[in-house]
Amino acid sequence: MPRHRARHGTRQDARHDTRREARHGTRREARHGTRQDARHDTRREARHGTRQDARHDTRREARHDTCREARHRSRHHTRQGPRYRSLFRTPEFAPLFLTGSVHTAAQTVAGLGLATLVFRATGSPLLSALALFGPSLAQLLGATTLLSAADRLPPRAALSGIALFFAVGTAVLAVPALPVWAVFAVLLAEGLAASLGGGVRYGLLNEILPREAYLLGRSVTNMATGVCQIGGFAAGGLLVALLSPRGAVLAGAGLYLAAALLARLGLAARPPRAAGRPSIAATRRANARLLSLPARRRCYLALWVPNGLIVGCESLFVPYAPERAGLLFTCGAFGMLVGDAVVGRFLPARLRARLRFPLQALLAAPFLLFALDPGLPLALAAVTVSAVGYGASLLHQERLMALVPEELGGHALGLHSSGMLAFQGVSAALAGTLAQYASPRTGMVLLAVASLAVTFLLARADRRETKKSAEPGTVNLVPRSSV
């Protein structure tokens, strides 16, 4: 019995110890496992957090680098965009620019002298206005008959020959006691030559400059026109006062001769841009093709009519204030210079489409002040502010070139130039008629109202088409080479 109890106690003790050790081992292992798991989790979280932080830092740095690269690309693109300096580094741009500038100065000096000469001889505001802007009327005839030659003549020979023709014709206008009918016959011939010269000059400009630099190039040429008109009207007024109107006409002839020499010596010999013989039929086919698209027709009307009506207002400066006409013309040229500089260089591309018609309305609105018979300071301010609106023509030209086929670029620009100058002549005749039967001040106001009305109608038609093209399911594509 004692042995049995001893054995039984020993077995119980052994089982108890085994269970205790098992429980102790389990707890120790659990604690040890918990500690190991905790250390493992801590390490894993640390590694995971480190990876997350690394990925976050990498993404942040990548975004930072992307933004920095984008800003760098933007600055680089801005630096590489067309600038005035880059234009004059383009081969042949500088001589073409100088040729056009001298031609404009010659036209300004001779035109002011001739208008004053005709007004003193006849006392007619109509004939005076036609003497200043009458050659533009012939541009309409040239645009329908001669314009196909603009792309089919060597540019250098055509520009130098036309300038030489102007020099000879203007010298003839200075002949004493020349009959009035002979004066306008010479002006008609010069207008026909000018319609061809505009197509050649602007077609060559489009050929020399890349498409993205064309707007800036036209801005520079328009600014030069403003500067040359300022200097030309100032010099013309001085010549008229110190010498005589005939002396101003002879000075203009000399400037035309200088333009011919610049074109002959400065431009390179280039072949014609198009093959074939020029003809009236070819001119009319190209005109019909350009005017077949409604959007292009609106561009041409916007370039011709509102501006032309305001030029009609300006054609009455001589009868409105004979002794102050040169000052009024100078202020108008300065305003045009400011408008072209702002639009061509500083106006953002996103605002151009929206400001085409509002800026054009600025052309006419200040002339409404002439209904109040303003004093000279207010009249000068109104003319200056009005001329800023001429910058809208750059925006309409940009729109036109986006709609014109490549192969008709020179012809399209010639049609724009000829039509614009032709309507200026029509407006000058209309303004002279109104001034003849009413007064110069009344003629200015009526033409300004008509210009505002046309601008409003064209803007409404443009908005209607834009709204229609924005409707769901509407496709508004304008081909550039097939229409």
Protein backbone atom coordinates (compact mmCIF):
# COMPACT_ATOMS: atom_id res chain seq x y z
CA MET A 1 0.00 0.00 0.00
CA PRO A 2 2.64 2.54 0.77
CA ARG A 3 4.45 1.53 -2.35
CA HIS A 4 1.29 1.98 -4.36
CA ARG A 5 0.75 5.43 -2.88
CA ALA A 6 4.35 6.28 -3.52
CA ARG A 7 4.10 5.25 -7.11
CA HIS A 8 0.74 6.99 -7.48
CA GLY A 9 2.10 10.20 -5.87
CA THR A 10 5.11 10.09 -8.09
CA ARG A 11 2.93 9.74 -11.18
CA GLN A 12 0.64 12.55 -10.04
CA ASP A 13 3.60 14.79 -9.31
CA ALA A 14 5.06 14.00 -12.70
CA ARG A 15 1.78 14.78 -14.42
CA HIS A 16 1.39 17.96 -12.41
CA ASP A 17 4.91 19.05 -13.22
CA THR A 18 4.34 18.21 -16.84
CA ARG A 19 1.13 20.25 -16.93
CA ARG A 20 2.75 23.12 -15.05
CA GLU A 21 5.72 23.12 -17.33
CA ALA A 22 3.41 22.90 -20.31
CA ARG A 23 1.38 25.83 -19.04
CA HIS A 24 4.53 27.72 -18.16
CA GLY A 25 6.03 26.93 -21.53
CA THR A 26 2.87 27.92 -23.29
CA ARG A 27 2.73 31.23 -21.45
CA ARG A 28 6.44 31.82 -22.00
CA GLU A 29 6.11 30.92 -25.64
CA ALA A 30 3.02 33.10 -25.91
CA ARG A 31 4.84 36.00 -24.30
CA HIS A 32 7.90 35.32 -26.41
CA GLY A 33 5.75 34.98 -29.51
CA THR A 34 3.91 38.15 -28.65
CA ARG A 35 7.18 39.97 -28.25
CA GLN A 36 8.49 38.52 -31.49
CA ASP A 37 5.27 39.38 -33.27
CA ALA A 38 5.38 42.87 -31.82
CA ARG A 39 8.96 43.34 -32.92
CA HIS A 40 8.10 41.87 -36.33
CA ASP A 41 5.07 44.13 -36.67
CA THR A 42 7.11 47.13 -35.61
CA ARG A 43 9.78 46.33 -38.15
CA ARG A 44 7.20 45.65 -40.85
CA GLU A 45 5.35 48.87 -40.10
CA ALA A 46 8.61 50.74 -40.07
CA ARG A 47 9.59 49.25 -43.38
CA HIS A 48 6.07 49.85 -44.77
CA GLY A 49 6.05 53.41 -43.48
CA THR A 50 9.47 53.97 -44.92
CA ARG A 51 8.31 52.65 -48.27
CA GLN A 52 5.16 54.78 -48.11
CA ASP A 53 7.19 57.84 -47.20
CA ALA A 54 9.62 57.02 -49.95
CA ARG A 55 6.84 56.63 -52.46
CA HIS A 56 5.18 59.83 -51.21
CA ASP A 57 8.46 61.72 -51.44
CA THR A 58 9.09 60.28 -54.86
CA ARG A 59 5.64 61.32 -56.07
CA ARG A 60 6.03 64.77 -54.52
CA GLU A 61 9.42 65.22 -56.11
CA ALA A 62 8.06 63.93 -59.39
CA ARG A 63 5.20 66.43 -59.26
CA HIS A 64 7.64 69.18 -58.31
CA ASP A 65 9.94 68.23 -61.17
CA THR A 66 7.00 68.08 -63.56
CA CYS A 67 5.81 71.54 -62.54
CA ARG A 68 9.34 72.86 -62.74
CA GLU A 69 9.81 71.33 -66.18
CA ALA A 70 6.44 72.68 -67.30
CA ARG A 71 7.39 76.18 -66.14
CA HIS A 72 10.73 75.80 -67.87
CA ARG A 73 9.05 74.66 -71.08
CA SER A 74 6.59 77.55 -70.84
CA ARG A 75 9.40 80.07 -70.40
CA HIS A 76 11.37 78.39 -73.16
CA HIS A 77 8.34 78.47 -75.48
CA THR A 78 7.79 82.13 -74.67
CA ARG A 79 11.40 82.90 -75.42
CA GLN A 80 11.24 80.98 -78.66
CA GLY A 81 7.97 82.57 -79.83
CA PRO A 82 7.96 85.17 -82.59
CA ARG A 83 9.41 88.50 -81.49
CA TYR A 84 10.13 91.75 -83.25
CA ARG A 85 13.86 91.06 -83.19
CA SER A 86 13.43 87.66 -84.79
CA LEU A 87 11.41 89.21 -87.61
CA PHE A 88 14.26 91.46 -88.68
CA ARG A 89 16.65 88.52 -88.59
CA THR A 90 14.50 86.79 -91.19
CA PRO A 91 16.09 87.16 -94.64
CA GLU A 92 14.43 89.79 -96.86
CA PHE A 93 12.02 91.00 -94.18
CA ALA A 94 13.99 94.19 -93.48
CA PRO A 95 14.19 95.40 -97.12
CA LEU A 96 10.53 94.53 -97.68
CA PHE A 97 9.63 96.41 -94.49
CA LEU A 98 11.63 99.48 -95.56
CA THR A 99 10.18 99.42 -99.07
CA GLY A 100 6.62 99.41 -97.74
CA SER A 101 7.40 102.11 -95.17
CA VAL A 102 8.90 104.52 -97.69
CA HIS A 103 6.00 103.83 -100.08
CA THR A 104 3.54 104.74 -97.31
CA ALA A 105 5.43 107.94 -96.48
CA ALA A 106 5.42 108.91 -100.15
CA GLN A 107 1.69 108.27 -100.44
CA THR A 108 1.00 110.34 -97.31
CA VAL A 109 3.09 113.35 -98.28
CA ALA A 110 1.89 113.41 -101.89
CA GLY A 111 -1.75 112.74 -100.94
CA LEU A 112 -1.95 115.60 -98.46
CA GLY A 113 -0.30 117.98 -100.90
CA LEU A 114 -2.58 116.92 -103.77
CA ALA A 115 -5.77 117.13 -101.66
CA THR A 116 -4.86 120.64 -100.58
CA LEU A 117 -3.98 121.59 -104.14
CA VAL A 118 -7.33 120.33 -105.50
CA PHE A 119 -9.32 121.96 -102.68
CA ARG A 120 -7.68 125.33 -103.30
CA ALA A 121 -8.30 125.02 -107.03
CA THR A 122 -11.93 123.85 -106.88
CA GLY A 123 -13.25 124.58 -103.37
CA SER A 124 -15.02 121.19 -103.49
CA PRO A 125 -14.90 118.88 -100.44
CA LEU A 126 -15.88 115.97 -102.71
CA LEU A 127 -12.99 116.46 -105.13
CA SER A 128 -10.60 117.09 -102.24
CA ALA A 129 -11.59 113.80 -100.58
CA LEU A 130 -11.30 111.93 -103.89
CA ALA A 131 -7.87 113.39 -104.51
CA LEU A 132 -6.69 112.00 -101.18
CA PHE A 133 -8.43 108.61 -101.28
CA GLY A 134 -9.73 108.41 -104.84
CA PRO A 135 -6.97 106.06 -106.12
CA SER A 136 -8.41 103.47 -103.77
CA LEU A 137 -11.56 103.34 -105.91
CA ALA A 138 -9.52 101.91 -108.76
CA GLN A 139 -8.48 99.05 -106.51
CA LEU A 140 -11.92 97.52 -107.00
CA LEU A 141 -11.36 97.35 -110.74
CA GLY A 142 -7.87 95.97 -110.25
CA ALA A 143 -9.09 93.32 -107.82
CA THR A 144 -11.45 91.92 -110.45
CA THR A 145 -9.05 92.06 -113.39
CA LEU A 146 -5.35 92.18 -112.46
CA LEU A 147 -5.08 90.38 -109.13
CA SER A 148 -4.19 86.96 -110.58
CA ALA A 149 -0.85 88.49 -111.65
CA ALA A 150 0.13 89.01 -108.00
CA ASP A 151 1.31 85.39 -107.70
CA ARG A 152 2.52 85.10 -111.32
CA LEU A 153 5.11 87.91 -111.40
CA PRO A 154 8.64 87.95 -109.93
CA PRO A 155 8.16 89.86 -106.65
CA ARG A 156 11.28 92.03 -106.83
CA ALA A 157 10.67 93.18 -110.39
CA ALA A 158 6.98 93.82 -109.70
CA LEU A 159 7.55 95.90 -106.54
CA SER A 160 10.36 98.00 -107.97
CA GLY A 161 8.46 98.56 -111.23
CA ILE A 162 5.25 99.62 -109.45
CA ALA A 163 7.14 102.07 -107.20
CA LEU A 164 8.87 103.56 -110.24
CA PHE A 165 5.51 103.95 -111.96
CA PHE A 166 4.19 105.81 -108.90
CA ALA A 167 7.22 108.10 -108.93
CA VAL A 168 6.61 109.09 -112.56
CA GLY A 169 2.85 109.45 -112.11
CA THR A 170 3.18 111.61 -108.99
CA ALA A 171 5.70 113.86 -110.73
CA VAL A 172 3.13 114.37 -113.49
CA LEU A 173 0.55 115.42 -110.86
CA ALA A 174 2.84 118.30 -109.87
CA VAL A 175 2.74 119.82 -113.34
CA PRO A 176 1.32 123.37 -113.08
CA ALA A 177 -2.15 124.01 -114.51
CA LEU A 178 -2.83 120.29 -114.95
CA PRO A 179 -6.58 119.85 -115.62
CA VAL A 180 -8.63 118.18 -112.91
CA TRP A 181 -9.72 115.37 -115.24
CA ALA A 182 -6.05 114.62 -115.98
CA VAL A 183 -5.31 114.50 -112.24
CA PHE A 184 -7.96 111.84 -111.71
CA ALA A 185 -6.87 109.92 -114.80
CA VAL A 186 -3.38 109.59 -113.30
CA LEU A 187 -4.89 108.63 -109.95
CA LEU A 188 -6.94 105.92 -111.66
CA ALA A 189 -3.82 104.42 -113.23
CA GLU A 190 -2.00 104.54 -109.90
CA GLY A 191 -4.93 102.83 -108.20
CA LEU A 192 -4.81 99.95 -110.70
CA ALA A 193 -1.09 99.52 -110.10
CA ALA A 194 -1.62 99.67 -106.33
CA SER A 195 -4.14 96.81 -106.43
CA LEU A 196 -1.47 94.60 -107.98
CA GLY A 197 1.26 95.89 -105.65
CA GLY A 198 -0.68 95.02 -102.51
CA GLY A 199 -1.06 91.40 -103.58
CA VAL A 200 2.62 91.12 -104.47
CA ARG A 201 3.84 92.76 -101.25
CA TYR A 202 1.64 90.87 -98.80
CA GLY A 203 2.05 87.61 -100.69
CA LEU A 204 5.82 87.99 -100.41
CA LEU A 205 5.47 88.75 -96.71
CA ASN A 206 3.44 85.57 -96.27
CA GLU A 207 6.13 83.67 -98.16
CA ILE A 208 9.03 85.08 -96.16
CA LEU A 209 7.54 84.63 -92.67
CA PRO A 210 6.33 81.38 -91.10
CA ARG A 211 2.60 81.21 -90.46
CA GLU A 212 2.90 81.67 -86.69
CA ALA A 213 4.85 84.91 -87.22
CA TYR A 214 2.52 86.43 -89.81
CA LEU A 215 0.30 88.29 -87.32
CA LEU A 216 3.34 89.86 -85.68
CA GLY A 217 4.77 90.70 -89.09
CA ARG A 218 1.59 92.46 -90.14
CA SER A 219 1.55 94.22 -86.79
CA VAL A 220 5.04 95.57 -87.47
CA THR A 221 4.13 96.71 -90.98
CA ASN A 222 0.96 98.37 -89.68
CA MET A 223 2.94 100.08 -86.93
CA ALA A 224 5.38 101.29 -89.56
CA THR A 225 2.41 102.59 -91.53
CA GLY A 226 1.31 104.56 -88.46
CA VAL A 227 4.80 105.96 -87.88
CA CYS A 228 5.25 106.85 -91.54
CA GLN A 229 1.84 108.49 -91.65
CA ILE A 230 2.68 110.52 -88.57
CA GLY A 231 5.94 111.65 -90.12
CA GLY A 232 4.40 111.96 -93.58
CA PHE A 233 1.47 114.10 -92.53
CA ALA A 234 3.71 116.24 -90.34
CA ALA A 235 6.23 116.67 -93.15
CA GLY A 236 3.47 117.18 -95.70
CA GLY A 237 1.80 119.84 -93.59
CA LEU A 238 5.16 121.56 -93.10
CA LEU A 239 5.91 121.45 -96.83
CA VAL A 240 2.45 122.82 -97.65
CA ALA A 241 2.92 125.66 -95.16
CA LEU A 242 6.54 126.54 -95.98
CA LEU A 243 6.65 125.77 -99.68
CA SER A 244 3.44 124.89 -101.51
CA PRO A 245 1.13 121.92 -102.06
CA ARG A 246 2.97 121.26 -105.33
CA GLY A 247 6.26 121.00 -103.43
CA ALA A 248 4.74 118.32 -101.18
CA VAL A 249 3.64 116.36 -104.27
CA LEU A 250 7.17 116.50 -105.72
CA ALA A 251 8.60 115.31 -102.39
CA GLY A 252 6.26 112.32 -102.55
CA ALA A 253 7.53 111.51 -106.04
CA GLY A 254 11.08 111.47 -104.73
CA LEU A 255 10.11 109.06 -101.94
CA TYR A 256 8.48 106.73 -104.46
CA LEU A 257 11.75 106.67 -106.38
CA ALA A 258 13.60 105.76 -103.17
CA ALA A 259 11.15 102.89 -102.58
CA ALA A 260 11.85 101.57 -106.09
CA LEU A 261 15.60 101.57 -105.41
CA LEU A 262 15.14 99.81 -102.05
CA ALA A 263 13.08 97.05 -103.66
CA ARG A 264 15.55 96.57 -106.51
CA LEU A 265 18.68 96.52 -104.35
CA GLY A 266 17.38 94.95 -101.15
CA LEU A 267 15.17 92.05 -102.25
CA ALA A 268 16.45 88.80 -103.70
CA ALA A 269 15.41 87.56 -107.11
CA ARG A 270 12.59 85.08 -106.58
CA PRO A 271 10.56 83.17 -109.12
CA PRO A 272 6.79 83.74 -109.31
CA ARG A 273 4.79 81.92 -106.65
CA ALA A 274 2.39 80.41 -109.18
CA ALA A 275 2.67 79.15 -112.73
CA GLY A 276 0.51 80.11 -115.67
CA ARG A 277 -0.48 83.34 -117.32
CA PRO A 278 -2.47 85.97 -115.43
CA SER A 279 -5.92 86.64 -116.82
CA ILE A 280 -9.22 88.17 -115.90
CA ALA A 281 -10.85 84.72 -115.87
CA ALA A 282 -8.23 83.35 -113.45
CA THR A 283 -8.73 86.36 -111.18
CA ARG A 284 -12.48 85.90 -111.08
CA ARG A 285 -12.27 82.14 -110.46
CA ALA A 286 -9.99 82.66 -107.49
CA ASN A 287 -12.18 85.46 -106.12
CA ALA A 288 -15.27 83.25 -106.40
CA ARG A 289 -13.47 80.44 -104.62
CA LEU A 290 -12.39 82.69 -101.76
CA LEU A 291 -15.85 84.19 -101.33
CA SER A 292 -17.67 80.84 -101.49
CA LEU A 293 -17.40 80.21 -97.73
CA PRO A 294 -19.71 82.31 -95.48
CA ALA A 295 -17.08 82.63 -92.74
CA ARG A 296 -14.57 84.04 -95.22
CA ARG A 297 -17.17 86.43 -96.61
CA ARG A 298 -17.79 87.80 -93.13
CA CYS A 299 -14.04 88.25 -92.62
CA TYR A 300 -13.75 90.21 -95.83
CA LEU A 301 -16.76 92.37 -94.99
CA ALA A 302 -15.35 93.05 -91.52
CA LEU A 303 -12.04 94.06 -93.08
CA TRP A 304 -13.62 96.26 -95.75
CA VAL A 305 -16.77 98.00 -94.57
CA PRO A 306 -16.50 99.31 -90.97
CA ASN A 307 -12.90 100.45 -91.46
CA GLY A 308 -13.66 101.97 -94.85
CA LEU A 309 -16.50 104.05 -93.46
CA ILE A 310 -14.20 105.51 -90.80
CA VAL A 311 -11.61 106.32 -93.44
CA GLY A 312 -14.44 108.22 -95.11
CA CYS A 313 -14.75 110.23 -91.91
CA GLU A 314 -11.02 110.94 -92.00
CA SER A 315 -11.22 112.05 -95.62
CA LEU A 316 -13.23 115.07 -94.43
CA PHE A 317 -10.46 116.40 -92.17
CA VAL A 318 -9.27 118.84 -94.85
CA PRO A 319 -12.66 120.54 -95.39
CA TYR A 320 -13.52 120.22 -91.67
CA ALA A 321 -10.39 122.02 -90.48
CA PRO A 322 -8.16 123.05 -93.41
CA GLU A 323 -5.43 124.51 -91.21
CA ARG A 324 -5.49 121.64 -88.69
CA ALA A 325 -5.95 118.66 -91.02
CA GLY A 326 -2.32 117.59 -90.71
CA LEU A 327 -2.62 117.52 -86.90
CA LEU A 328 -5.82 115.45 -87.06
CA PHE A 329 -4.20 112.97 -89.45
CA THR A 330 -1.15 112.75 -87.18
CA CYS A 331 -3.28 111.93 -84.13
CA GLY A 332 -5.11 109.25 -86.10
CA ALA A 333 -1.84 107.69 -87.21
CA PHE A 334 -0.57 107.69 -83.62
CA GLY A 335 -3.72 105.95 -82.38
CA MET A 336 -3.38 103.32 -85.10
CA LEU A 337 0.23 102.75 -84.03
CA VAL A 338 -0.84 102.16 -80.42
CA GLY A 339 -3.63 99.77 -81.42
CA ASP A 340 -1.40 97.69 -83.67
CA ALA A 341 1.32 97.47 -81.03
CA VAL A 342 -1.08 96.32 -78.31
CA VAL A 343 -2.91 93.79 -80.48
CA GLY A 344 0.12 92.41 -82.27
CA ARG A 345 2.43 91.99 -79.28
CA PHE A 346 0.52 92.03 -76.00
CA LEU A 347 -3.04 90.76 -76.56
CA PRO A 348 -3.33 87.13 -75.37
CA ALA A 349 -4.47 84.58 -77.93
CA ARG A 350 -7.45 83.55 -75.77
CA LEU A 351 -8.91 87.06 -75.99
CA ARG A 352 -8.45 87.70 -79.70
CA ALA A 353 -11.64 86.08 -80.93
CA ARG A 354 -13.76 87.86 -78.30
CA LEU A 355 -12.29 91.31 -78.93
CA ARG A 356 -12.47 91.40 -82.73
CA PHE A 357 -15.81 93.18 -82.95
CA PRO A 358 -15.73 95.25 -79.72
CA LEU A 359 -12.39 96.70 -80.77
CA GLN A 360 -13.78 97.44 -84.21
CA ALA A 361 -16.74 99.26 -82.64
CA LEU A 362 -14.19 101.55 -80.99
CA LEU A 363 -13.37 102.85 -84.47
CA ALA A 364 -16.72 104.52 -84.90
CA ALA A 365 -17.92 105.45 -81.42
CA PRO A 366 -15.63 108.48 -80.80
CA PHE A 367 -16.71 110.10 -84.08
CA LEU A 368 -20.22 110.49 -82.64
CA LEU A 369 -18.77 113.32 -80.55
CA PHE A 370 -18.50 115.43 -83.70
CA ALA A 371 -22.28 115.85 -83.52
CA LEU A 372 -21.58 118.22 -80.59
CA ASP A 373 -19.12 120.31 -82.65
CA PRO A 374 -16.23 119.70 -80.22
CA GLY A 375 -13.27 121.98 -79.78
CA LEU A 376 -9.92 121.07 -81.23
CA PRO A 377 -8.50 119.27 -78.12
CA LEU A 378 -11.56 117.03 -77.80
CA ALA A 379 -11.59 116.39 -81.56
CA LEU A 380 -7.93 115.36 -81.45
CA ALA A 381 -8.60 113.02 -78.52
CA ALA A 382 -11.59 111.45 -80.27
CA VAL A 383 -9.59 110.81 -83.45
CA THR A 384 -6.71 109.27 -81.46
CA VAL A 385 -8.95 106.90 -79.49
CA SER A 386 -10.88 105.96 -82.60
CA ALA A 387 -7.74 104.96 -84.51
CA VAL A 388 -6.79 102.46 -81.79
CA GLY A 389 -9.67 100.38 -83.12
CA TYR A 390 -7.79 99.78 -86.37
CA GLY A 391 -5.96 97.05 -84.44
CA ALA A 392 -9.08 94.91 -84.95
CA SER A 393 -8.06 94.46 -88.58
CA LEU A 394 -5.11 92.34 -87.39
CA LEU A 395 -7.50 89.99 -85.61
CA HIS A 396 -9.75 89.70 -88.66
CA GLN A 397 -6.70 89.04 -90.85
CA GLU A 398 -5.59 86.27 -88.52
CA ARG A 399 -9.04 84.74 -88.74
CA LEU A 400 -9.01 85.05 -92.53
CA MET A 401 -5.63 83.35 -92.91
CA ALA A 402 -6.91 80.44 -90.80
CA LEU A 403 -9.71 79.96 -93.36
CA VAL A 404 -7.74 80.44 -96.59
CA PRO A 405 -6.19 77.56 -98.57
CA GLU A 406 -2.40 77.65 -98.72
CA GLU A 407 -2.25 77.98 -102.48
CA LEU A 408 -4.42 81.12 -102.43
CA GLY A 409 -2.58 83.00 -99.69
CA GLY A 410 -1.16 85.79 -101.86
CA HIS A 411 -4.37 86.22 -103.84
CA ALA A 412 -6.44 86.28 -100.64
CA LEU A 413 -4.27 88.99 -99.10
CA GLY A 414 -4.36 90.98 -102.32
CA LEU A 415 -8.15 90.73 -102.37
CA HIS A 416 -8.25 91.92 -98.77
CA SER A 417 -5.95 94.87 -99.50
CA SER A 418 -7.68 95.86 -102.74
CA GLY A 419 -11.18 95.52 -101.34
CA MET A 420 -10.26 97.48 -98.24
CA LEU A 421 -8.73 100.34 -100.20
CA ALA A 422 -11.54 100.28 -102.75
CA PHE A 423 -14.16 100.65 -100.05
CA GLN A 424 -12.10 103.44 -98.53
CA GLY A 425 -12.41 105.24 -101.85
CA VAL A 426 -16.16 104.58 -101.97
CA SER A 427 -16.50 105.90 -98.44
CA ALA A 428 -14.44 108.97 -99.29
CA ALA A 429 -16.75 109.69 -102.22
CA LEU A 430 -19.81 109.16 -100.02
CA ALA A 431 -18.34 111.36 -97.30
CA GLY A 432 -17.55 114.11 -99.80
CA THR A 433 -21.11 113.96 -101.13
CA LEU A 434 -22.58 114.25 -97.64
CA ALA A 435 -20.28 117.14 -96.81
CA GLN A 436 -21.15 118.84 -100.09
CA TYR A 437 -24.87 118.88 -99.32
CA ALA A 438 -24.75 119.06 -95.51
CA SER A 439 -21.48 119.69 -93.68
CA PRO A 440 -18.23 117.79 -92.98
CA ARG A 441 -19.30 117.31 -89.36
CA THR A 442 -22.63 115.78 -90.39
CA GLY A 443 -20.92 113.47 -92.85
CA MET A 444 -18.57 112.16 -90.13
CA VAL A 445 -21.43 111.40 -87.75
CA LEU A 446 -23.56 109.60 -90.35
CA LEU A 447 -20.65 107.42 -91.52
CA ALA A 448 -19.79 106.56 -87.91
CA VAL A 449 -23.37 105.43 -87.25
CA ALA A 450 -23.27 103.27 -90.40
CA SER A 451 -19.96 101.72 -89.30
CA LEU A 452 -21.38 100.82 -85.89
CA ALA A 453 -24.45 99.25 -87.50
CA VAL A 454 -22.37 97.05 -89.83
CA THR A 455 -20.10 95.96 -86.97
CA PHE A 456 -23.12 95.00 -84.87
CA LEU A 457 -24.69 92.94 -87.68
CA LEU A 458 -21.45 91.09 -88.42
CA ALA A 459 -20.86 90.38 -84.73
CA ARG A 460 -24.38 89.00 -84.34
CA ALA A 461 -23.94 86.72 -87.36
CA ASP A 462 -20.63 85.50 -85.98
CA ARG A 463 -22.15 84.74 -82.58
CA ARG A 464 -25.04 82.92 -84.21
CA GLU A 465 -22.67 80.65 -86.12
CA THR A 466 -20.52 80.07 -83.04
CA LYS A 467 -23.58 79.12 -80.99
CA LYS A 468 -24.83 76.82 -83.75
CA SER A 469 -21.47 75.07 -84.06
CA ALA A 470 -21.43 74.51 -80.29
CA GLU A 471 -24.73 72.58 -80.33
CA PRO A 472 -24.48 68.81 -79.66
CA GLY A 473 -24.06 66.77 -82.80
CA THR A 474 -22.90 69.74 -84.88
CA VAL A 475 -19.61 69.50 -86.75
CA ASN A 476 -18.01 72.75 -87.85
CA LEU A 477 -14.95 72.02 -89.92
CA VAL A 478 -13.30 74.58 -92.19
CA PRO A 479 -11.02 72.98 -94.79
CA ARG A 480 -7.85 74.87 -95.58
CA SER A 481 -6.83 73.33 -98.88
CA SER A 482 -9.88 72.08 -100.69
CA VAL A 483 -12.34 74.97 -100.54
